[in-house]
């Protein structure tokens, strides 16, 4: 009798070990990531992390190699081919302006300002855009609300982050000598509005990285656990069978001794 109980318990343990990995987030939060790469030979790079739940968005951006001491307009662009342009899209002057890149990343839908309005209307609000420090780095973090259509596009991975601001003539500031006036606003130099970095926002794998799974996704971790569990079930089943046989053998031996 004891052997049979042990066999049942042995079978139950490995089955309990296999349970699907739970999603990293229990609510409707979507996490996205973008690697920001240079445009217009700025040499600037960065990363962006975006978390969105409903219509609430949290944006964290870290960039390096931008023009030091100057504001850098940055936005969610939505509505193009959801890509970053290459320099072949630039005009005859060899400089890629915001409009020339629009077929790839689309128009401005959200302005990543440091305070106040975040709509497209604040796209050129350079006084409310983050400024690069003395090393040319920008560190930005803000939580705000977006319209439902923007939220849906961001969640679907249909948004591109673009940072603007280029120093064509290398004099350490935005001026009209570097490339003339901006095609977006003639009161601004094109250096202030031309794109400097770009990155497509991509949703993280559902469930994120499975904790303790050595970098596997949740589904990969599930498969690994299933394989382990299956092996343990087989081993436990074999042990249970041998235990049962030994028990029966002992019972037979006992009867023979009595007879």
Protein backbone atom coordinates (compact mmCIF):
# COMPACT_ATOMS: atom_id res chain seq x y z
CA UNK A 1 0.00 0.00 0.00
CA UNK A 2 2.79 2.40 0.88
CA UNK A 3 4.47 1.75 -2.47
CA UNK A 4 1.32 2.63 -4.36
CA UNK A 5 0.98 5.91 -2.49
CA UNK A 6 4.59 6.77 -3.23
CA UNK A 7 4.00 6.06 -6.91
CA UNK A 8 1.02 8.41 -7.05
CA UNK A 9 2.92 11.17 -5.28
CA UNK A 10 5.90 10.67 -7.57
CA UNK A 11 3.66 11.15 -10.59
CA UNK A 12 2.03 14.23 -9.11
CA UNK A 13 5.25 16.12 -8.33
CA UNK A 14 6.61 16.49 -11.89
CA UNK A 15 3.18 17.44 -13.20
CA UNK A 16 3.05 20.21 -10.61
CA UNK A 17 6.44 21.42 -11.83
CA UNK A 18 4.97 22.17 -15.24
CA UNK A 19 2.81 25.27 -15.25
CA UNK A 20 2.73 27.86 -18.06
CA UNK A 21 4.86 30.92 -17.34
CA UNK A 22 2.69 33.82 -16.23
CA UNK A 23 2.79 37.03 -18.29
CA UNK A 24 5.14 39.68 -16.91
CA UNK A 25 2.26 42.16 -16.78
CA UNK A 26 -1.21 41.20 -15.58
CA UNK A 27 -3.02 44.22 -17.00
CA UNK A 28 -3.26 45.67 -20.51
CA UNK A 29 0.15 47.35 -20.38
CA UNK A 30 2.24 47.15 -23.54
CA UNK A 31 6.00 47.66 -23.45
CA UNK A 32 7.98 48.80 -26.48
CA UNK A 33 11.61 49.50 -27.29
CA UNK A 34 13.44 51.50 -29.94
CA UNK A 35 17.10 51.73 -30.83
CA UNK A 36 17.76 55.27 -32.02
CA UNK A 37 20.30 55.53 -34.82
CA UNK A 38 21.84 58.57 -36.47
CA UNK A 39 20.47 60.60 -39.34
CA UNK A 40 22.35 63.35 -41.17
CA UNK A 41 25.69 61.93 -40.00
CA UNK A 42 25.19 63.27 -36.49
CA UNK A 43 26.85 60.26 -34.88
CA UNK A 44 24.09 60.34 -32.26
CA UNK A 45 22.57 57.16 -30.85
CA UNK A 46 20.14 56.27 -28.11
CA UNK A 47 17.46 54.00 -26.74
CA UNK A 48 13.80 54.54 -25.95
CA UNK A 49 11.55 52.54 -23.66
CA UNK A 50 7.80 53.10 -23.83
CA UNK A 51 5.12 51.65 -21.57
CA UNK A 52 1.48 52.23 -22.43
CA UNK A 53 -1.64 51.26 -20.50
CA UNK A 54 -4.93 52.43 -21.93
CA UNK A 55 -4.12 55.94 -23.08
CA UNK A 56 -1.43 56.61 -20.46
CA UNK A 57 2.08 56.56 -21.86
CA UNK A 58 5.41 56.56 -20.06
CA UNK A 59 8.41 57.44 -22.22
CA UNK A 60 12.06 57.07 -21.22
CA UNK A 61 14.74 58.17 -23.69
CA UNK A 62 18.51 58.23 -23.31
CA UNK A 63 20.58 59.62 -26.18
CA UNK A 64 24.23 60.51 -26.71
CA UNK A 65 26.15 62.43 -29.34
CA UNK A 66 23.62 65.22 -29.87
CA UNK A 67 24.51 68.90 -30.14
CA UNK A 68 25.45 69.97 -26.61
CA UNK A 69 23.59 72.76 -24.87
CA UNK A 70 20.80 72.91 -27.45
CA UNK A 71 17.16 71.77 -27.30
CA UNK A 72 16.22 68.70 -29.32
CA UNK A 73 12.63 68.42 -30.47
CA UNK A 74 11.40 64.83 -30.30
CA UNK A 75 8.16 63.17 -31.30
CA UNK A 76 6.09 60.10 -32.02
CA UNK A 77 5.76 60.07 -35.80
CA UNK A 78 2.91 57.88 -37.10
CA UNK A 79 1.44 57.27 -40.53
CA UNK A 80 4.36 56.56 -42.85
CA UNK A 81 5.82 53.18 -43.71
CA UNK A 82 6.80 52.80 -40.05
CA UNK A 83 10.52 52.90 -40.82
CA UNK A 84 13.46 55.25 -40.54
CA UNK A 85 14.64 56.85 -43.80
CA UNK A 86 18.09 56.49 -45.24
CA UNK A 87 20.04 59.37 -46.70
CA UNK A 88 18.91 58.55 -50.23
CA UNK A 89 15.73 60.43 -49.33
CA UNK A 90 17.69 63.68 -48.90
CA UNK A 91 17.42 66.46 -51.44
CA UNK A 92 20.12 67.85 -53.70
CA UNK A 93 21.77 69.58 -50.76
CA UNK A 94 22.54 66.18 -49.23
CA UNK A 95 20.73 67.06 -46.01
CA UNK A 96 17.63 65.17 -44.91
CA UNK A 97 14.96 67.51 -43.59
CA UNK A 98 11.86 66.48 -41.64
CA UNK A 99 9.54 66.59 -44.64
CA UNK A 100 11.84 64.45 -46.78
CA UNK A 101 11.82 61.77 -44.10
CA UNK A 102 8.03 61.84 -43.62
CA UNK A 103 7.19 59.08 -46.15
CA UNK A 104 9.14 56.72 -43.90
CA UNK A 105 8.18 57.80 -40.39
CA UNK A 106 5.01 59.82 -41.01
CA UNK A 107 3.84 63.14 -39.58
CA UNK A 108 4.13 64.25 -35.96
CA UNK A 109 1.36 62.83 -33.76
CA UNK A 110 2.79 63.36 -30.28
CA UNK A 111 5.33 65.93 -29.09
CA UNK A 112 7.63 64.60 -26.39
CA UNK A 113 7.86 67.83 -24.46
CA UNK A 114 9.16 68.22 -20.93
CA UNK A 115 5.95 69.87 -19.72
CA UNK A 116 2.56 71.04 -20.91
CA UNK A 117 0.90 70.07 -24.16
CA UNK A 118 2.07 66.94 -25.99
CA UNK A 119 -0.05 67.19 -29.13
CA UNK A 120 1.27 67.75 -32.64
CA UNK A 121 0.59 71.46 -32.09
CA UNK A 122 3.67 71.55 -29.85
CA UNK A 123 5.90 69.96 -32.46
CA UNK A 124 8.11 73.04 -32.69
CA UNK A 125 7.88 74.12 -29.05
CA UNK A 126 11.66 74.05 -28.69
CA UNK A 127 11.45 75.92 -25.38
CA UNK A 128 9.71 72.85 -23.90
CA UNK A 129 11.93 70.22 -25.48
CA UNK A 130 14.82 68.55 -23.60
CA UNK A 131 18.24 70.12 -24.04
CA UNK A 132 21.42 68.08 -24.37
CA UNK A 133 23.92 68.47 -21.56
CA UNK A 134 27.55 69.51 -21.97
CA UNK A 135 28.41 66.01 -23.21
CA UNK A 136 25.63 65.98 -25.80
CA UNK A 137 23.43 63.59 -23.83
CA UNK A 138 19.68 63.75 -23.35
CA UNK A 139 17.85 61.94 -20.55
CA UNK A 140 14.08 62.20 -20.80
CA UNK A 141 11.28 60.66 -18.76
CA UNK A 142 7.63 61.63 -18.71
CA UNK A 143 4.16 60.09 -18.23
CA UNK A 144 1.18 61.63 -20.03
CA UNK A 145 -2.09 60.88 -21.84
CA UNK A 146 -2.47 60.44 -25.60
CA UNK A 147 -5.57 60.19 -27.83
CA UNK A 148 -7.02 56.71 -28.35
CA UNK A 149 -5.92 56.51 -31.99
CA UNK A 150 -2.33 57.34 -31.03
CA UNK A 151 -2.43 54.79 -28.21
CA UNK A 152 -3.65 52.10 -30.62
CA UNK A 153 -0.89 52.89 -33.13
CA UNK A 154 1.82 52.86 -30.47
CA UNK A 155 0.60 49.54 -29.05
CA UNK A 156 0.60 48.04 -32.54
CA UNK A 157 4.23 49.05 -33.08
CA UNK A 158 3.29 51.63 -35.70
CA UNK A 159 5.11 54.59 -34.17
CA UNK A 160 8.60 55.94 -34.81
CA UNK A 161 10.55 58.18 -32.43
CA UNK A 162 12.52 60.97 -34.10
CA UNK A 163 14.83 63.45 -32.37
CA UNK A 164 15.75 66.65 -34.19
CA UNK A 165 18.63 69.10 -34.15
CA UNK A 166 21.78 69.04 -36.30
CA UNK A 167 24.90 71.23 -36.34
CA UNK A 168 25.85 71.20 -40.02
CA UNK A 169 28.54 73.87 -39.83
CA UNK A 170 29.98 72.67 -36.52
CA UNK A 171 29.82 76.00 -34.70
CA UNK A 172 28.06 74.58 -31.64
CA UNK A 173 24.67 76.22 -32.16
CA UNK A 174 21.64 76.33 -34.43
CA UNK A 175 21.95 79.12 -36.98
CA UNK A 176 20.83 79.98 -40.50
CA UNK A 177 24.39 79.79 -41.84
CA UNK A 178 24.41 76.03 -41.39
CA UNK A 179 21.62 75.26 -43.86
CA UNK A 180 19.18 78.13 -44.14
CA UNK A 181 15.65 78.30 -42.80
CA UNK A 182 13.52 75.34 -41.82
CA UNK A 183 10.90 74.11 -44.28
CA UNK A 184 8.58 73.75 -41.27
CA UNK A 185 8.92 77.28 -39.93
CA UNK A 186 10.95 79.96 -41.69
CA UNK A 187 11.64 81.66 -38.38
CA UNK A 188 13.73 78.66 -37.33
CA UNK A 189 16.99 77.43 -38.84
CA UNK A 190 16.77 74.05 -40.52
CA UNK A 191 19.50 72.88 -38.15
CA UNK A 192 16.94 73.05 -35.33
CA UNK A 193 14.33 70.91 -37.08
CA UNK A 194 16.22 68.42 -39.26
CA UNK A 195 16.22 64.86 -37.85
CA UNK A 196 19.21 63.70 -35.81
CA UNK A 197 18.13 60.23 -34.62
CA UNK A 198 15.36 57.81 -35.48
CA UNK A 199 14.05 54.50 -34.15
CA UNK A 200 11.00 52.33 -34.73
CA UNK A 201 9.10 51.34 -31.59
CA UNK A 202 8.77 47.57 -31.42
CA UNK A 203 6.55 45.72 -28.90
CA UNK A 204 8.38 43.46 -26.46
CA UNK A 205 7.54 39.73 -26.67
CA UNK A 206 4.28 38.90 -24.90
CA UNK A 207 5.05 38.03 -21.30
CA UNK A 208 8.50 39.62 -21.53
CA UNK A 209 11.56 37.64 -20.53
CA UNK A 210 10.73 34.61 -18.39
CA UNK A 211 12.30 35.06 -14.97
CA UNK A 212 14.98 32.51 -14.26
CA UNK A 213 14.77 31.06 -17.78
CA UNK A 214 18.21 32.17 -18.90
CA UNK A 215 16.93 34.77 -21.38
CA UNK A 216 14.20 32.59 -22.88
CA UNK A 217 10.81 34.02 -23.71
CA UNK A 218 7.78 32.81 -21.79
CA UNK A 219 6.78 30.36 -24.53
CA UNK A 220 10.32 28.96 -24.73
CA UNK A 221 10.37 28.55 -20.97
CA UNK A 222 7.05 26.71 -21.12
CA UNK A 223 8.46 24.27 -23.67
CA UNK A 224 11.57 23.72 -21.55
CA UNK A 225 9.47 23.04 -18.47
CA UNK A 226 7.27 20.69 -20.47
CA UNK A 227 10.33 18.72 -21.60
CA UNK A 228 11.63 18.48 -18.04
CA UNK A 229 8.21 17.60 -16.69
CA UNK A 230 7.71 14.89 -19.32
CA UNK A 231 11.06 13.32 -18.45
CA UNK A 232 10.27 13.39 -14.75
CA UNK A 233 6.84 11.89 -15.36
CA UNK A 234 8.45 9.02 -17.28
CA UNK A 235 11.03 8.46 -14.56
CA UNK A 236 8.43 8.65 -11.81
CA UNK A 237 6.16 6.28 -13.70
CA UNK A 238 8.97 3.75 -14.01
CA UNK A 239 9.74 4.07 -10.33
CA UNK A 240 6.09 3.63 -9.47
CA UNK A 241 5.87 0.45 -11.57
CA UNK A 242 8.97 -1.04 -9.95
CA UNK A 243 7.65 -0.07 -6.53
CA UNK A 244 4.35 -1.75 -7.26
CA UNK A 245 6.10 -4.93 -8.51
CA UNK A 246 8.26 -5.05 -5.40
CA UNK A 247 5.18 -4.64 -3.24
CA UNK A 248 3.40 -7.48 -5.01
CA UNK A 249 6.50 -9.64 -4.82
CA UNK A 250 6.69 -9.01 -1.10
CA UNK A 251 3.05 -9.94 -0.68
CA UNK A 252 3.54 -13.22 -2.59
CA UNK A 253 6.64 -14.00 -0.56
CA UNK A 254 4.71 -13.37 2.62
CA UNK A 255 1.92 -15.77 1.60
CA UNK A 256 4.47 -18.44 0.70
CA UNK A 257 6.07 -18.09 4.11
CA UNK A 258 2.68 -18.54 5.82
CA UNK A 259 1.90 -21.61 3.73
